[in-house]
C-alpha atoms as a PDB file:
ATOM      1  CA  MET A   1     110.757  25.633 -92.425  1.00  0.00           C
ATOM      2  CA  LYS A   2     114.268  24.415 -93.331  1.00  0.00           C
ATOM      3  CA  VAL A   3     117.518  26.232 -92.405  1.00  0.00           C
ATOM      4  CA  GLU A   4     120.619  25.327 -94.144  1.00  0.00           C
ATOM      5  CA  LEU A   5     124.100  26.466 -93.146  1.00  0.00           C
ATOM      6  CA  PHE A   6     126.681  26.069 -95.773  1.00  0.00           C
ATOM      7  CA  HIS A   7     130.242  25.783 -94.528  1.00  0.00           C
ATOM      8  CA  ALA A   8     133.582  24.142 -95.195  1.00  0.00           C
ATOM      9  CA  PRO A   9     135.642  22.092 -92.770  1.00  0.00           C
ATOM     10  CA  GLY A  10     138.420  24.295 -91.084  1.00  0.00           C
ATOM     11  CA  CYS A  11     136.491  27.575 -91.759  1.00  0.00           C
ATOM     12  CA  SER A  12     136.746  29.291 -88.524  1.00  0.00           C
ATOM     13  CA  ARG A  13     134.228  32.136 -89.660  1.00  0.00           C
ATOM     14  CA  CYS A  14     131.735  28.929 -90.429  1.00  0.00           C
ATOM     15  CA  ALA A  15     132.300  27.445 -86.892  1.00  0.00           C
ATOM     16  CA  ALA A  16     132.041  30.667 -84.984  1.00  0.00           C
ATOM     17  CA  GLY A  17     128.466  31.096 -84.419  1.00  0.00           C
ATOM     18  CA  ARG A  18     127.111  27.602 -85.589  1.00  0.00           C
ATOM     19  CA  GLU A  19     125.639  26.454 -82.242  1.00  0.00           C
ATOM     20  CA  ASP A  20     124.318  29.833 -81.456  1.00  0.00           C
ATOM     21  CA  LEU A  21     122.441  30.071 -84.708  1.00  0.00           C
ATOM     22  CA  LYS A  22     121.029  26.500 -84.588  1.00  0.00           C
ATOM     23  CA  ALA A  23     119.764  27.295 -81.004  1.00  0.00           C
ATOM     24  CA  ALA A  24     118.113  30.612 -82.248  1.00  0.00           C
ATOM     25  CA  ALA A  25     116.520  28.825 -85.126  1.00  0.00           C
ATOM     26  CA  GLU A  26     115.146  26.013 -83.136  1.00  0.00           C
ATOM     27  CA  THR A  27     113.695  28.351 -80.429  1.00  0.00           C
ATOM     28  CA  THR A  28     112.323  30.674 -83.020  1.00  0.00           C
ATOM     29  CA  VAL A  29     110.192  28.401 -85.093  1.00  0.00           C
ATOM     30  CA  THR A  30     108.630  25.079 -84.051  1.00  0.00           C
ATOM     31  CA  GLY A  31     109.589  22.042 -85.907  1.00  0.00           C
ATOM     32  CA  ILE A  32     112.339  23.782 -88.054  1.00  0.00           C
ATOM     33  CA  VAL A  33     114.672  21.512 -89.822  1.00  0.00           C
ATOM     34  CA  TRP A  34     118.368  22.494 -89.336  1.00  0.00           C
ATOM     35  CA  ARG A  35     121.025  21.031 -91.931  1.00  0.00           C
ATOM     36  CA  GLU A  36     124.678  21.830 -92.144  1.00  0.00           C
ATOM     37  CA  VAL A  37     125.992  21.500 -95.751  1.00  0.00           C
ATOM     38  CA  ASN A  38     129.706  20.876 -96.173  1.00  0.00           C
ATOM     39  CA  VAL A  39     130.398  22.496 -99.442  1.00  0.00           C
ATOM     40  CA  LEU A  40     133.269  20.359-100.212  1.00  0.00           C
ATOM     41  CA  ASP A  41     130.898  17.454-100.484  1.00  0.00           C
ATOM     42  CA  GLU A  42     128.000  19.174-102.035  1.00  0.00           C
ATOM     43  CA  MET A  43     129.512  21.863-104.385  1.00  0.00           C
ATOM     44  CA  ASP A  44     126.924  21.411-106.990  1.00  0.00           C
ATOM     45  CA  TYR A  45     123.911  21.811-104.472  1.00  0.00           C
ATOM     46  CA  ALA A  46     125.669  25.013-103.073  1.00  0.00           C
ATOM     47  CA  ILE A  47     125.987  26.705-106.293  1.00  0.00           C
ATOM     48  CA  ASP A  48     122.512  25.730-107.388  1.00  0.00           C
ATOM     49  CA  HIS A  49     121.455  27.618-104.231  1.00  0.00           C
ATOM     50  CA  GLY A  50     123.670  30.883-105.288  1.00  0.00           C
ATOM     51  CA  VAL A  51     126.231  30.255-102.474  1.00  0.00           C
ATOM     52  CA  LEU A  52     129.415  31.731-103.802  1.00  0.00           C
ATOM     53  CA  ALA A  53     131.181  32.648-100.225  1.00  0.00           C
ATOM     54  CA  LEU A  54     131.243  30.988 -96.746  1.00  0.00           C
ATOM     55  CA  PRO A  55     129.391  30.793 -94.478  1.00  0.00           C
ATOM     56  CA  ALA A  56     125.908  31.359 -96.086  1.00  0.00           C
ATOM     57  CA  ILE A  57     122.458  30.605 -94.850  1.00  0.00           C
ATOM     58  CA  VAL A  58     119.602  29.359 -97.120  1.00  0.00           C
ATOM     59  CA  ILE A  59     116.162  29.326 -95.797  1.00  0.00           C
ATOM     60  CA  ASP A  60     113.458  27.153 -97.610  1.00  0.00           C
ATOM     61  CA  GLY A  61     115.799  27.018-100.824  1.00  0.00           C
ATOM     62  CA  GLU A  62     116.348  30.822-100.724  1.00  0.00           C
ATOM     63  CA  LEU A  63     119.858  32.380-100.070  1.00  0.00           C
ATOM     64  CA  VAL A  64     119.106  34.811 -97.228  1.00  0.00           C
ATOM     65  CA  PHE A  65     122.419  35.559 -95.800  1.00  0.00           C
ATOM     66  CA  SER A  66     125.807  35.369 -97.726  1.00  0.00           C
ATOM     67  CA  SER A  67     127.885  36.039 -94.694  1.00  0.00           C
ATOM     68  CA  LEU A  68     127.250  34.757 -90.992  1.00  0.00           C
ATOM     69  CA  PRO A  69     124.341  36.649 -89.481  1.00  0.00           C
ATOM     70  CA  THR A  70     123.950  37.185 -85.666  1.00  0.00           C
ATOM     71  CA  PRO A  71     121.459  34.913 -83.930  1.00  0.00           C
ATOM     72  CA  GLN A  72     119.067  37.972 -83.517  1.00  0.00           C
ATOM     73  CA  GLN A  73     119.276  38.718 -87.290  1.00  0.00           C
ATOM     74  CA  LEU A  74     118.510  35.081 -88.122  1.00  0.00           C
ATOM     75  CA  ARG A  75     115.646  35.163 -85.548  1.00  0.00           C
ATOM     76  CA  THR A  76     114.000  38.158 -87.328  1.00  0.00           C
ATOM     77  CA  ALA A  77     114.549  36.481 -90.661  1.00  0.00           C
ATOM     78  CA  LEU A  78     112.795  33.350 -89.487  1.00  0.00           C
ATOM     79  CA  THR A  79     110.003  35.210 -87.685  1.00  0.00           C
ATOM     80  CA  ARG A  80     109.159  37.116 -91.032  1.00  0.00           C
ATOM     81  CA  ARG A  81     109.006  34.015 -93.100  1.00  0.00           C
ATOM     82  CA  ASN A  82     106.837  32.259 -90.314  1.00  0.00           C
ATOM     83  CA  VAL A  83     104.397  35.049 -90.548  1.00  0.00           C
ATOM     84  CA  LYS A  84     104.126  35.094 -94.214  1.00  0.00           C
ATOM     85  CA  GLU A  85     103.515  31.136 -94.319  1.00  0.00           C
ATOM     86  CA  GLN A  86     100.507  31.372 -91.875  1.00  0.00           C
END
């Protein structure tokens, strides 16, 4: 499973929960791939995934959160997806 956090440098909302979200993802699903995407460097990639506001989280290529979730919200979304994949 791949989780991508779309952010921009200097965005305080983007940085606010980054480490907590990464930790939540890594402890929820074994072997998760965490990627932080700087939209200034990868604007086309962000638009291709429907990211229009920051921060945003894409899971396995699907925009799941168009604003920063809590760690619990991310854990819930990952758990649901993990169950569907099994």
